Protein backbone atom coordinates (compact mmCIF):
# COMPACT_ATOMS: atom_id res chain seq x y z
CA MET A 1 0.00 0.00 0.00
CA SER A 2 1.35 3.45 -0.95
CA SER A 3 1.76 6.23 1.58
CA ILE A 4 -1.26 8.14 0.21
CA GLU A 5 -3.45 5.04 0.28
CA THR A 6 -2.33 4.34 3.85
CA ILE A 7 -3.24 7.85 5.01
CA ILE A 8 -6.61 7.71 3.22
CA ALA A 9 -7.39 4.33 4.80
CA ILE A 10 -6.51 5.72 8.24
CA ILE A 11 -8.67 8.83 7.68
CA LEU A 12 -11.61 6.64 6.64
CA LEU A 13 -11.25 4.47 9.76
CA ILE A 14 -11.18 7.58 11.95
CA LEU A 15 -14.30 8.83 10.16
CA VAL A 16 -16.02 5.49 10.83
CA GLY A 17 -15.53 6.11 14.55
CA TYR A 18 -16.52 9.78 14.41
CA ILE A 19 -19.62 9.23 12.23
CA SER A 20 -20.66 6.25 14.37
CA LYS A 21 -20.69 8.57 17.36
CA ARG A 22 -22.57 11.31 15.51
CA ILE A 23 -25.38 8.98 14.40
CA GLY A 24 -25.61 7.25 17.77
CA LEU A 25 -24.28 3.88 16.67
CA LEU A 26 -21.50 4.17 19.23
CA LYS A 27 -20.92 6.52 22.16
CA TYR A 28 -17.90 8.49 23.34
CA GLU A 29 -17.80 6.22 26.40
CA ASP A 30 -17.24 3.22 24.10
CA SER A 31 -13.82 4.66 23.24
CA ILE A 32 -12.75 4.00 26.83
CA THR A 33 -13.41 0.27 26.43
CA LEU A 34 -11.79 0.19 23.00
CA ASN A 35 -8.73 2.02 24.36
CA LYS A 36 -8.38 -0.55 27.12
CA ILE A 37 -8.46 -3.37 24.56
CA VAL A 38 -5.91 -1.58 22.40
CA VAL A 39 -3.51 -0.59 25.19
CA ASN A 40 -3.72 -3.78 27.25
CA ILE A 41 -4.02 -6.45 24.54
CA ALA A 42 -3.76 -5.42 20.88
CA ILE A 43 -0.77 -3.04 20.90
CA PRO A 44 1.35 -5.21 23.25
CA SER A 45 0.73 -8.13 20.87
CA LEU A 46 1.67 -5.98 17.87
CA ILE A 47 4.84 -4.73 19.56
CA PHE A 48 5.86 -8.18 20.82
CA LEU A 49 5.58 -9.68 17.33
CA ALA A 50 7.50 -6.77 15.80
CA MET A 51 10.35 -7.17 18.29
CA TYR A 52 10.27 -10.98 18.27
CA THR A 53 10.64 -11.22 14.49
CA ALA A 54 12.87 -8.18 13.91
CA ASP A 55 16.55 -8.13 13.06
CA LEU A 56 17.93 -6.51 16.20
CA SER A 57 21.58 -7.03 15.37
CA ASN A 58 21.85 -3.24 14.91
CA ILE A 59 19.97 -2.36 18.10
CA LYS A 60 22.65 0.19 19.05
CA VAL A 61 21.62 2.19 15.98
CA LEU A 62 18.00 2.20 17.15
CA PHE A 63 18.52 3.73 20.60
CA PRO A 64 19.36 7.21 19.20
CA ILE A 65 15.78 7.27 17.87
CA THR A 66 14.53 7.23 21.47
CA LEU A 67 16.93 10.05 22.36
CA ILE A 68 15.76 12.15 19.41
CA CYS A 69 12.15 11.78 20.58
CA ILE A 70 13.04 12.95 24.09
CA VAL A 71 15.01 15.98 22.89
CA THR A 72 12.44 16.95 20.23
CA GLY A 73 9.53 16.66 22.64
CA SER A 74 11.35 18.62 25.34
CA LEU A 75 12.25 21.48 23.00
CA SER A 76 8.70 21.58 21.61
CA GLY A 77 7.33 21.77 25.16
CA LEU A 78 9.77 24.58 25.99
CA LEU A 79 8.62 26.63 23.00
CA VAL A 80 4.97 26.26 24.01
CA TYR A 81 5.84 27.09 27.64
CA LEU A 82 7.40 30.40 26.50
CA PHE A 83 4.36 31.07 24.31
CA SER A 84 2.01 30.38 27.24
CA VAL A 85 3.94 32.70 29.54
CA ALA A 86 3.86 35.46 26.92
CA ARG A 87 0.09 35.01 26.50
CA GLY A 88 -0.49 35.10 30.25
CA TYR A 89 -2.32 31.79 30.49
CA SER A 90 -3.25 30.42 33.90
CA LYS A 91 -0.93 27.93 35.57
CA LYS A 92 -3.17 24.97 34.77
CA THR A 93 -3.71 25.96 31.13
CA LYS A 94 -0.01 26.68 30.66
CA TRP A 95 1.12 23.25 31.83
CA THR A 96 -1.73 21.56 29.95
CA LEU A 97 -0.43 23.08 26.72
CA VAL A 98 3.11 22.01 27.59
CA GLY A 99 1.87 18.44 27.96
CA THR A 100 0.04 18.44 24.62
CA SER A 101 3.08 19.84 22.81
CA THR A 102 5.62 17.54 24.46
CA LEU A 103 3.88 14.19 23.99
CA PHE A 104 3.58 12.66 20.51
CA ASN A 105 0.80 10.39 19.28
CA SER A 106 3.63 8.12 18.16
CA GLY A 107 1.77 4.96 19.16
CA PHE A 108 -1.95 5.32 18.45
CA LEU A 109 -1.43 7.12 15.14
CA GLY A 110 2.28 6.63 14.51
CA TYR A 111 2.19 2.83 14.51
CA PRO A 112 -0.57 2.50 11.86
CA VAL A 113 1.04 5.08 9.57
CA VAL A 114 4.56 3.64 9.80
CA LEU A 115 3.41 0.02 9.64
CA GLY A 116 1.23 0.71 6.61
CA ILE A 117 4.03 2.42 4.69
CA PHE A 118 7.23 0.68 5.83
CA GLY A 119 6.00 -2.65 7.21
CA ALA A 120 7.43 -4.48 10.21
CA SER A 121 10.92 -2.97 9.85
CA GLY A 122 9.46 0.52 10.08
CA LEU A 123 7.31 -0.48 13.04
CA VAL A 124 10.40 -1.52 15.02
CA ARG A 125 11.82 1.98 14.55
CA ALA A 126 8.47 3.50 15.54
CA VAL A 127 8.46 1.43 18.74
CA PHE A 128 11.88 2.79 19.70
CA TYR A 129 10.61 6.32 19.05
CA ASP A 130 7.53 5.66 21.16
CA MET A 131 9.79 4.54 24.01
CA GLY A 132 10.92 8.17 24.13
CA SER A 133 7.28 9.29 24.38
CA THR A 134 6.80 6.96 27.35
CA ILE A 135 9.86 8.42 29.08
CA LEU A 136 8.53 11.94 28.45
CA PHE A 137 5.17 10.89 29.90
CA LEU A 138 6.90 9.66 33.05
CA CYS A 139 8.99 12.84 33.35
CA LEU A 140 5.96 15.11 32.87
CA GLY A 141 4.06 13.11 35.47
CA ILE A 142 6.84 13.61 38.01
CA LEU A 143 7.08 17.32 37.09
CA PHE A 144 3.33 17.79 37.57
CA ILE A 145 3.52 15.98 40.91
CA ILE A 146 6.15 18.51 42.04
CA ILE A 147 4.17 21.49 40.72
CA PHE A 148 0.63 20.47 41.64
CA GLU A 149 1.34 17.96 44.41
CA GLY A 150 0.45 14.32 44.05
CA LYS A 151 1.72 10.80 44.54
CA TYR A 152 4.94 9.70 42.84
CA THR A 153 3.88 6.08 43.08
CA SER A 154 0.78 6.54 40.91
CA ILE A 155 2.57 7.85 37.83
CA ILE A 156 5.54 5.49 38.24
CA ARG A 157 3.25 2.50 38.69
CA ARG A 158 1.19 3.52 35.65
CA THR A 159 4.33 3.79 33.51
CA PHE A 160 6.11 0.60 34.55
CA LEU A 161 2.92 -1.48 34.46
CA PHE A 162 2.10 -0.07 30.99
CA PRO A 163 1.50 -3.27 28.89
CA PRO A 164 3.19 -1.95 25.68
CA ILE A 165 6.41 -1.52 27.70
CA TRP A 166 6.29 -5.21 28.56
CA GLY A 167 5.56 -6.02 24.92
CA ILE A 168 8.88 -4.33 24.08
CA ILE A 169 10.85 -5.99 26.88
CA LEU A 170 9.49 -9.51 26.37
CA GLY A 171 9.75 -9.25 22.58
CA ILE A 172 13.41 -8.20 22.73
CA LEU A 173 14.23 -10.90 25.30
CA ALA A 174 12.53 -13.61 23.26
CA ASN A 175 14.39 -12.41 20.17
CA PHE A 176 17.83 -12.40 21.78
CA MET A 177 17.25 -15.74 23.52
CA HIS A 178 16.00 -17.28 20.24
CA LEU A 179 12.93 -18.64 22.02
CA ASN A 180 10.51 -20.72 19.97
CA ILE A 181 7.12 -19.77 21.38
CA GLY A 182 5.24 -22.18 19.11
CA VAL A 183 2.87 -21.86 16.17
CA LEU A 184 -0.35 -21.55 18.20
CA PRO A 185 0.81 -18.59 20.36
CA LEU A 186 2.13 -16.88 17.23
CA ASN A 187 -1.24 -17.30 15.48
CA VAL A 188 -3.08 -15.89 18.50
CA LEU A 189 -0.71 -12.91 18.68
CA GLN A 190 -1.13 -12.28 14.95
CA TYR A 191 -4.92 -12.22 15.30
CA LEU A 192 -4.70 -9.86 18.26
CA SER A 193 -2.17 -7.56 16.59
CA GLY A 194 -4.30 -7.51 13.43
CA ALA A 195 -7.13 -5.99 15.47
CA ALA A 196 -4.92 -3.17 16.78
CA ILE A 197 -4.97 -0.78 13.82
CA PRO A 198 -8.72 -0.66 13.06
CA ILE A 199 -9.66 -0.47 16.75
CA ILE A 200 -7.11 2.31 17.34
CA MET A 201 -8.48 4.40 14.49
CA ILE A 202 -12.15 3.88 15.35
CA SER A 203 -11.42 4.69 18.99
CA LEU A 204 -9.58 7.85 17.92
CA GLY A 205 -12.61 8.90 15.86
CA LEU A 206 -14.88 8.35 18.87
CA SER A 207 -12.55 10.43 21.05
CA LEU A 208 -12.51 13.52 18.81
CA GLU A 209 -14.54 16.41 20.25
CA VAL A 210 -15.28 19.54 18.21
CA GLY A 211 -17.04 21.34 21.06
CA GLY A 212 -14.95 23.86 22.98
CA LEU A 213 -12.38 24.29 20.22
CA LYS A 214 -13.42 27.90 19.54
CA ASN A 215 -12.54 28.89 23.12
CA TYR A 216 -8.97 27.60 22.69
CA LEU A 217 -8.45 28.12 18.97
CA GLY A 218 -5.35 30.34 19.36
CA ALA A 219 -3.60 28.03 21.81
CA ALA A 220 -4.57 24.87 19.92
CA SER A 221 -3.38 26.40 16.63
CA PHE A 222 0.03 27.23 18.07
CA VAL A 223 0.41 23.80 19.68
CA SER A 224 -0.59 22.18 16.38
CA PHE A 225 1.98 24.28 14.51
CA ILE A 226 4.72 23.21 16.94
CA ARG A 227 3.60 19.58 16.93
CA LEU A 228 3.16 19.16 13.16
CA ALA A 229 5.66 21.59 11.62
CA VAL A 230 8.35 22.64 14.10
CA SER A 231 8.96 19.25 15.72
CA PRO A 232 9.91 17.52 12.44
CA VAL A 233 12.36 20.35 11.72
CA ILE A 234 13.92 19.92 15.17
CA ALA A 235 14.17 16.17 14.54
CA ILE A 236 15.83 16.76 11.17
CA LEU A 237 18.47 19.00 12.75
CA ILE A 238 19.25 16.41 15.45
CA ILE A 239 19.36 13.62 12.86
CA TYR A 240 21.85 15.67 10.84
CA ILE A 241 24.04 16.19 13.91
CA LEU A 242 23.94 12.49 14.84
CA GLY A 243 24.43 11.34 11.25
CA LEU A 244 21.36 9.09 11.24
CA THR A 245 20.36 7.80 7.79
CA GLY A 246 18.04 5.37 6.03
CA LEU A 247 14.85 4.02 7.55
CA GLU A 248 15.89 5.21 11.02
CA SER A 249 15.97 8.79 9.78
CA THR A 250 12.71 8.62 7.78
CA VAL A 251 10.62 6.97 10.48
CA THR A 252 11.98 9.34 13.15
CA ILE A 253 10.99 12.42 11.15
CA ILE A 254 7.50 11.05 10.43
CA GLU A 255 6.98 10.19 14.10
CA ALA A 256 8.16 13.67 15.09
CA GLY A 257 5.34 15.07 12.93
CA MET A 258 2.59 13.23 14.82
CA PRO A 259 -0.19 15.20 16.57
CA SER A 260 -0.65 15.61 20.32
CA ALA A 261 -0.91 12.35 22.24
CA MET A 262 -4.09 11.11 23.89
CA LEU A 263 -1.89 10.54 26.97
CA SER A 264 -1.70 14.32 27.44
CA LEU A 265 -5.43 14.21 28.18
CA VAL A 266 -4.72 11.53 30.79
CA LEU A 267 -2.20 13.85 32.47
CA ALA A 268 -4.65 16.77 32.36
CA ALA A 269 -7.36 14.66 33.99
CA SER A 270 -5.00 13.15 36.57
CA TYR A 271 -3.80 16.53 37.87
CA ASP A 272 -7.05 18.49 37.43
CA LEU A 273 -5.60 20.69 34.70
CA ASP A 274 -7.40 22.35 31.77
CA ILE A 275 -9.03 19.29 30.18
CA LYS A 276 -10.90 21.35 27.58
CA ALA A 277 -7.64 22.94 26.40
CA ALA A 278 -6.03 19.49 26.12
CA ALA A 279 -9.01 18.15 24.15
CA ALA A 280 -8.91 21.16 21.80
CA CYS A 281 -5.19 20.66 21.08
CA ILE A 282 -5.60 16.94 20.50
CA PHE A 283 -8.59 17.44 18.20
CA LEU A 284 -7.11 20.23 16.06
CA SER A 285 -3.62 18.70 15.77
CA THR A 286 -5.12 15.31 14.84
CA VAL A 287 -7.38 16.78 12.16
CA LEU A 288 -4.58 18.93 10.71
CA SER A 289 -2.19 15.96 10.75
CA MET A 290 -4.35 14.35 8.08
CA ILE A 291 -3.06 17.15 5.82
CA SER A 292 0.46 17.62 7.19
CA LEU A 293 1.47 13.96 7.34
CA PRO A 294 0.93 13.22 3.63
CA ILE A 295 2.94 16.36 2.81
CA LEU A 296 5.73 15.36 5.19
CA ILE A 297 5.83 11.80 3.83
CA TYR A 298 5.88 13.11 0.25
CA LEU A 299 8.80 15.43 1.02
CA LEU A 300 10.76 12.55 2.53
């Protein structure tokens, strides 16, 4: 499937979810159940298979991808922090916007895009990029605990018990140990991983909320600009400095151009921040990414 066909297929799946909600076939609340299936079962299966079957002989080359994600996300968050200070946003809104600009949707949207265009080899690179997003999520959680007071154990537990993390760890271990897990478990994992992409996209469509965008249009527009345009440029500069080439370089740039992560909404809800601002940024950046991603992929 070509890159354009992949993006169109993803847009159509998102529309299936969004239209299903609009006509009452499904409800917004159904996205919560679908997300649990995706996060706890489908994506870990997809990641495990990708790591289990991948050629990891060059794993040292893959770790810089994680570093690039961390640096790119941090710089993007810093730019939005300065913007928020200049605009005089409240403390809660300011840090909400920082969260939406720092965290990439490198898993929920990044995996389907990269897998559809580059196959399993591309997905392995995307997983290493998404590891950086998980580290950023953990760091933001700790930062918000310090700023807004909370429990360190809750965010640390949520991160280290995150099933996709264990999909990465177990997949790499099984690969290096040359474990033969058997035909039946492989078939089950393939069925489960095959369900990941359509469920992710339908769930994303159910999660999109237009309401409230007009109240945060300026902030959401700036966050979307940073997320979709500036972040890829930052990634390109770092890639040039590190001398990264080939599929590692291409996948990293595409992942850097992903919209705001759904996890930023989780952070906003967990620390009683500006949930409406987070939802507006996620919605606008996701919708605009359907235009920016094909352009970015074409340029690469």
